[in-house]
C-alpha atoms as a PDB file:
ATOM      1  CA  MET A   1     -20.269  40.255  32.182  1.00  0.00           C
ATOM      2  CA  ASP A   2     -16.487  40.215  31.934  1.00  0.00           C
ATOM      3  CA  THR A   3     -15.374  40.940  28.359  1.00  0.00           C
ATOM      4  CA  SER A   4     -11.660  41.402  29.009  1.00  0.00           C
ATOM      5  CA  GLY A   5     -10.861  37.754  28.240  1.00  0.00           C
ATOM      6  CA  ILE A   6     -12.461  37.845  24.777  1.00  0.00           C
ATOM      7  CA  GLY A   7      -9.509  39.623  23.179  1.00  0.00           C
ATOM      8  CA  SER A   8      -6.942  37.216  24.558  1.00  0.00           C
ATOM      9  CA  PHE A   9      -9.136  34.249  23.609  1.00  0.00           C
ATOM     10  CA  ASN A  10      -9.430  35.586  20.060  1.00  0.00           C
ATOM     11  CA  THR A  11      -5.653  36.032  19.842  1.00  0.00           C
ATOM     12  CA  ALA A  12      -5.055  32.514  21.145  1.00  0.00           C
ATOM     13  CA  MET A  13      -7.502  31.058  18.600  1.00  0.00           C
ATOM     14  CA  SER A  14      -5.823  32.990  15.787  1.00  0.00           C
ATOM     15  CA  ALA A  15      -2.402  31.716  16.852  1.00  0.00           C
ATOM     16  CA  GLU A  16      -3.722  28.150  16.992  1.00  0.00           C
ATOM     17  CA  GLN A  17      -5.199  28.451  13.497  1.00  0.00           C
ATOM     18  CA  THR A  18      -1.890  29.789  12.180  1.00  0.00           C
ATOM     19  CA  SER A  19      -0.012  26.956  13.873  1.00  0.00           C
ATOM     20  CA  MET A  20      -2.350  24.365  12.336  1.00  0.00           C
ATOM     21  CA  ALA A  21      -1.977  25.938   8.882  1.00  0.00           C
ATOM     22  CA  VAL A  22       1.821  25.849   9.130  1.00  0.00           C
ATOM     23  CA  SER A  23       1.796  22.250  10.359  1.00  0.00           C
ATOM     24  CA  THR A  24      -0.459  21.247   7.469  1.00  0.00           C
ATOM     25  CA  ALA A  25       1.794  22.974   4.943  1.00  0.00           C
ATOM     26  CA  VAL A  26       4.877  21.231   6.345  1.00  0.00           C
ATOM     27  CA  LEU A  27       3.101  17.863   6.244  1.00  0.00           C
ATOM     28  CA  LYS A  28       2.056  18.403   2.612  1.00  0.00           C
ATOM     29  CA  LYS A  29       5.631  19.304   1.672  1.00  0.00           C
ATOM     30  CA  ALA A  30       6.969  16.188   3.420  1.00  0.00           C
ATOM     31  CA  ILE A  31       4.449  14.021   1.563  1.00  0.00           C
ATOM     32  CA  ASP A  32       5.468  15.601  -1.752  1.00  0.00           C
ATOM     33  CA  ILE A  33       9.145  14.883  -1.040  1.00  0.00           C
ATOM     34  CA  GLU A  34       8.337  11.269  -0.120  1.00  0.00           C
ATOM     35  CA  GLU A  35       6.371  10.904  -3.344  1.00  0.00           C
ATOM     36  CA  GLN A  36       9.332  12.157  -5.377  1.00  0.00           C
ATOM     37  CA  ASN A  37      11.700   9.776  -3.567  1.00  0.00           C
ATOM     38  CA  SER A  38       9.339   6.857  -4.153  1.00  0.00           C
ATOM     39  CA  MET A  39       9.061   7.646  -7.855  1.00  0.00           C
ATOM     40  CA  GLN A  40      12.858   7.758  -8.146  1.00  0.00           C
ATOM     41  CA  LEU A  41      13.129   4.356  -6.460  1.00  0.00           C
ATOM     42  CA  LEU A  42      10.473   2.883  -8.742  1.00  0.00           C
ATOM     43  CA  GLN A  43      12.295   4.195 -11.807  1.00  0.00           C
ATOM     44  CA  THR A  44      15.488   2.390 -10.750  1.00  0.00           C
ATOM     45  CA  LEU A  45      13.769  -1.022 -10.736  1.00  0.00           C
ATOM     46  CA  PRO A  46      14.638  -3.312 -13.640  1.00  0.00           C
ATOM     47  CA  PRO A  47      11.959  -3.735 -16.296  1.00  0.00           C
ATOM     48  CA  THR A  48       9.492  -6.575 -15.878  1.00  0.00           C
ATOM     49  CA  TYR A  49       8.984  -9.177 -18.551  1.00  0.00           C
ATOM     50  CA  ASN A  50       5.581 -10.477 -19.558  1.00  0.00           C
ATOM     51  CA  ASN A  51       5.217 -14.240 -19.610  1.00  0.00           C
ATOM     52  CA  PRO A  52       3.157 -16.011 -22.255  1.00  0.00           C
ATOM     53  CA  ALA A  53      -0.541 -16.306 -21.396  1.00  0.00           C
ATOM     54  CA  ASN A  54      -0.310 -20.026 -20.554  1.00  0.00           C
ATOM     55  CA  LEU A  55       2.418 -19.613 -17.904  1.00  0.00           C
ATOM     56  CA  GLY A  56       1.505 -18.923 -14.309  1.00  0.00           C
ATOM     57  CA  THR A  57      -2.226 -19.472 -14.677  1.00  0.00           C
ATOM     58  CA  GLN A  58      -2.492 -22.913 -13.039  1.00  0.00           C
ATOM     59  CA  VAL A  59      -1.156 -24.378  -9.819  1.00  0.00           C
ATOM     60  CA  ASP A  60      -0.449 -28.089  -9.393  1.00  0.00           C
ATOM     61  CA  VAL A  61      -1.696 -29.022  -5.931  1.00  0.00           C
ATOM     62  CA  LYS A  62      -0.753 -32.727  -5.956  1.00  0.00           C
ATOM     63  CA  ALA A  63       2.235 -33.694  -3.902  1.00  0.00           C
END
């Protein structure tokens, strides 16, 4: 049985796990930044006004 490849396989797997962890961390940071940007955009929207309860509840379908 050849056991010389086990060490290099283990090193390659460790490097792949590290690469995946870094990629996941970068993705999470990018999502956090996008969330902050979205919240800033939502805060710049003008306030909405509530209509009285009888407005916008019925649609006239006759033409």
